[in-house]
Amino acid sequence: MQNLELLAAADVAKILKISAASIWNWQYGRKKPPPGFPPPVKIGTSVRWRSSDIQAFILGLPITTTGRIPQPELAQPAPATAMVLVKPVRGRGRPRKIQTGGLG
């Protein structure tokens, strides 16, 4: 059987040489993770990653000359017909009270 180890976010960040905040941003959907980043294993309230999954992720990264992970190209939708947006006319200063009819 393999020697399986579960890694915390700080450990994964140290291995990938990024901040732990980046790992949490990927986990909670605040930022899009790189393609192929493994999902975590949840044990109760703990969130851990398998060391074998992290190693497989690293081995599957493409070799680049820019140092960035290439993002998959998204198909650009065809440009729609041009729409002109009209800004509402806004007066200056405080809006006036609207009188409701009666004199008093």
C-alpha atoms as a PDB file:
ATOM      1  CA  MET A   1       0.000   0.000   0.000  1.00  0.00           C
ATOM      2  CA  GLN A   2       1.181   3.532  -0.751  1.00  0.00           C
ATOM      3  CA  ASN A   3       2.376   5.888   1.918  1.00  0.00           C
ATOM      4  CA  LEU A   4      -0.524   8.334   1.683  1.00  0.00           C
ATOM      5  CA  GLU A   5      -0.202  11.674   3.415  1.00  0.00           C
ATOM      6  CA  LEU A   6      -2.847  14.374   3.799  1.00  0.00           C
ATOM      7  CA  LEU A   7      -1.608  17.945   3.444  1.00  0.00           C
ATOM      8  CA  ALA A   8      -3.054  21.126   4.924  1.00  0.00           C
ATOM      9  CA  ALA A   9      -3.400  24.288   2.831  1.00  0.00           C
ATOM     10  CA  ALA A  10      -0.167  25.697   4.291  1.00  0.00           C
ATOM     11  CA  ASP A  11       1.710  22.532   3.272  1.00  0.00           C
ATOM     12  CA  VAL A  12       0.292  22.617  -0.261  1.00  0.00           C
ATOM     13  CA  ALA A  13       1.200  26.300  -0.518  1.00  0.00           C
ATOM     14  CA  LYS A  14       4.753  25.577   0.595  1.00  0.00           C
ATOM     15  CA  ILE A  15       5.110  22.795  -1.990  1.00  0.00           C
ATOM     16  CA  LEU A  16       3.707  24.965  -4.803  1.00  0.00           C
ATOM     17  CA  LYS A  17       5.623  28.045  -3.533  1.00  0.00           C
ATOM     18  CA  ILE A  18       2.542  30.235  -3.396  1.00  0.00           C
ATOM     19  CA  SER A  19       0.606  31.802  -0.533  1.00  0.00           C
ATOM     20  CA  ALA A  20      -1.881  29.843   1.548  1.00  0.00           C
ATOM     21  CA  ALA A  21      -4.451  32.545   0.739  1.00  0.00           C
ATOM     22  CA  SER A  22      -4.274  31.496  -2.926  1.00  0.00           C
ATOM     23  CA  ILE A  23      -5.136  27.926  -1.972  1.00  0.00           C
ATOM     24  CA  TRP A  24      -8.141  29.114   0.063  1.00  0.00           C
ATOM     25  CA  ASN A  25      -9.246  31.451  -2.731  1.00  0.00           C
ATOM     26  CA  TRP A  26      -9.249  28.467  -5.117  1.00  0.00           C
ATOM     27  CA  GLN A  27     -11.033  26.284  -2.584  1.00  0.00           C
ATOM     28  CA  TYR A  28     -13.885  28.686  -1.885  1.00  0.00           C
ATOM     29  CA  GLY A  29     -14.344  29.884  -5.462  1.00  0.00           C
ATOM     30  CA  ARG A  30     -13.082  33.433  -5.016  1.00  0.00           C
ATOM     31  CA  LYS A  31     -10.517  32.774  -7.748  1.00  0.00           C
ATOM     32  CA  LYS A  32     -10.454  30.194 -10.499  1.00  0.00           C
ATOM     33  CA  PRO A  33      -7.970  27.389  -9.765  1.00  0.00           C
ATOM     34  CA  PRO A  34      -5.498  26.321 -12.427  1.00  0.00           C
ATOM     35  CA  PRO A  35      -6.742  23.517 -14.674  1.00  0.00           C
ATOM     36  CA  GLY A  36      -6.216  20.134 -13.056  1.00  0.00           C
ATOM     37  CA  PHE A  37      -5.880  21.332  -9.459  1.00  0.00           C
ATOM     38  CA  PRO A  38      -7.184  18.457  -7.308  1.00  0.00           C
ATOM     39  CA  PRO A  39     -10.261  18.787  -5.115  1.00  0.00           C
ATOM     40  CA  PRO A  40      -9.710  18.492  -1.363  1.00  0.00           C
ATOM     41  CA  VAL A  41     -10.650  15.695   0.986  1.00  0.00           C
ATOM     42  CA  LYS A  42     -12.930  16.837   3.801  1.00  0.00           C
ATOM     43  CA  ILE A  43     -12.726  15.098   7.154  1.00  0.00           C
ATOM     44  CA  GLY A  44     -15.226  16.687   9.477  1.00  0.00           C
ATOM     45  CA  THR A  45     -14.437  20.378   9.267  1.00  0.00           C
ATOM     46  CA  SER A  46     -10.833  19.833   8.114  1.00  0.00           C
ATOM     47  CA  VAL A  47      -9.870  20.389   4.512  1.00  0.00           C
ATOM     48  CA  ARG A  48      -6.853  18.410   3.275  1.00  0.00           C
ATOM     49  CA  TRP A  49      -5.278  17.428  -0.037  1.00  0.00           C
ATOM     50  CA  ARG A  50      -3.722  14.054  -0.880  1.00  0.00           C
ATOM     51  CA  SER A  51       0.023  14.349  -1.412  1.00  0.00           C
ATOM     52  CA  SER A  52      -0.234  11.977  -4.394  1.00  0.00           C
ATOM     53  CA  ASP A  53      -2.836  14.276  -6.026  1.00  0.00           C
ATOM     54  CA  ILE A  54      -0.594  17.311  -5.540  1.00  0.00           C
ATOM     55  CA  GLN A  55       2.383  15.439  -7.008  1.00  0.00           C
ATOM     56  CA  ALA A  56       0.303  14.348  -9.996  1.00  0.00           C
ATOM     57  CA  PHE A  57      -0.842  17.967 -10.461  1.00  0.00           C
ATOM     58  CA  ILE A  58       2.764  19.190 -10.473  1.00  0.00           C
ATOM     59  CA  LEU A  59       3.850  16.487 -12.926  1.00  0.00           C
ATOM     60  CA  GLY A  60       0.941  17.333 -15.222  1.00  0.00           C
ATOM     61  CA  LEU A  61       1.821  21.032 -15.484  1.00  0.00           C
ATOM     62  CA  PRO A  62       2.957  22.098 -18.946  1.00  0.00           C
ATOM     63  CA  ILE A  63       6.454  23.425 -19.428  1.00  0.00           C
ATOM     64  CA  THR A  64       6.310  27.115 -20.321  1.00  0.00           C
ATOM     65  CA  THR A  65       8.853  29.803 -21.026  1.00  0.00           C
ATOM     66  CA  THR A  66       6.792  32.542 -19.399  1.00  0.00           C
ATOM     67  CA  GLY A  67       6.448  30.865 -16.022  1.00  0.00           C
ATOM     68  CA  ARG A  68       2.646  31.088 -16.144  1.00  0.00           C
ATOM     69  CA  ILE A  69       0.159  28.266 -16.358  1.00  0.00           C
ATOM     70  CA  PRO A  70      -1.662  28.611 -19.686  1.00  0.00           C
ATOM     71  CA  GLN A  71      -5.423  28.932 -19.299  1.00  0.00           C
ATOM     72  CA  PRO A  72      -7.655  27.010 -21.680  1.00  0.00           C
ATOM     73  CA  GLU A  73      -8.864  29.275 -24.452  1.00  0.00           C
ATOM     74  CA  LEU A  74     -12.525  30.113 -24.198  1.00  0.00           C
ATOM     75  CA  ALA A  75     -14.514  30.508 -27.380  1.00  0.00           C
ATOM     76  CA  GLN A  76     -15.305  34.176 -27.869  1.00  0.00           C
ATOM     77  CA  PRO A  77     -18.973  34.781 -28.673  1.00  0.00           C
ATOM     78  CA  ALA A  78     -19.802  36.675 -31.814  1.00  0.00           C
ATOM     79  CA  PRO A  79     -20.219  40.385 -31.165  1.00  0.00           C
ATOM     80  CA  ALA A  80     -23.841  41.378 -30.759  1.00  0.00           C
ATOM     81  CA  THR A  81     -25.402  44.286 -32.563  1.00  0.00           C
ATOM     82  CA  ALA A  82     -24.338  47.605 -31.134  1.00  0.00           C
ATOM     83  CA  MET A  83     -26.643  48.959 -28.446  1.00  0.00           C
ATOM     84  CA  VAL A  84     -26.511  52.542 -27.333  1.00  0.00           C
ATOM     85  CA  LEU A  85     -27.066  52.964 -23.629  1.00  0.00           C
ATOM     86  CA  VAL A  86     -28.681  56.231 -22.652  1.00  0.00           C
ATOM     87  CA  LYS A  87     -27.759  57.600 -19.257  1.00  0.00           C
ATOM     88  CA  PRO A  88     -30.688  58.956 -17.286  1.00  0.00           C
ATOM     89  CA  VAL A  89     -30.759  62.714 -16.883  1.00  0.00           C
ATOM     90  CA  ARG A  90     -29.814  63.563 -13.366  1.00  0.00           C
ATOM     91  CA  GLY A  91     -30.297  66.974 -11.902  1.00  0.00           C
ATOM     92  CA  ARG A  92     -27.874  68.595  -9.533  1.00  0.00           C
ATOM     93  CA  GLY A  93     -28.409  68.998  -5.852  1.00  0.00           C
ATOM     94  CA  ARG A  94     -31.000  67.577  -3.526  1.00  0.00           C
ATOM     95  CA  PRO A  95     -34.203  66.248  -5.101  1.00  0.00           C
ATOM     96  CA  ARG A  96     -37.293  68.363  -4.439  1.00  0.00           C
ATOM     97  CA  LYS A  97     -40.279  67.100  -2.559  1.00  0.00           C
ATOM     98  CA  ILE A  98     -43.235  66.248  -4.743  1.00  0.00           C
ATOM     99  CA  GLN A  99     -46.438  67.987  -3.717  1.00  0.00           C
ATOM    100  CA  THR A 100     -49.380  65.639  -3.403  1.00  0.00           C
ATOM    101  CA  GLY A 101     -52.202  67.983  -4.242  1.00  0.00           C
ATOM    102  CA  GLY A 102     -53.622  69.624  -1.091  1.00  0.00           C
ATOM    103  CA  LEU A 103     -52.609  73.041   0.176  1.00  0.00           C
ATOM    104  CA  GLY A 104     -51.880  72.364   3.613  1.00  0.00           C
END
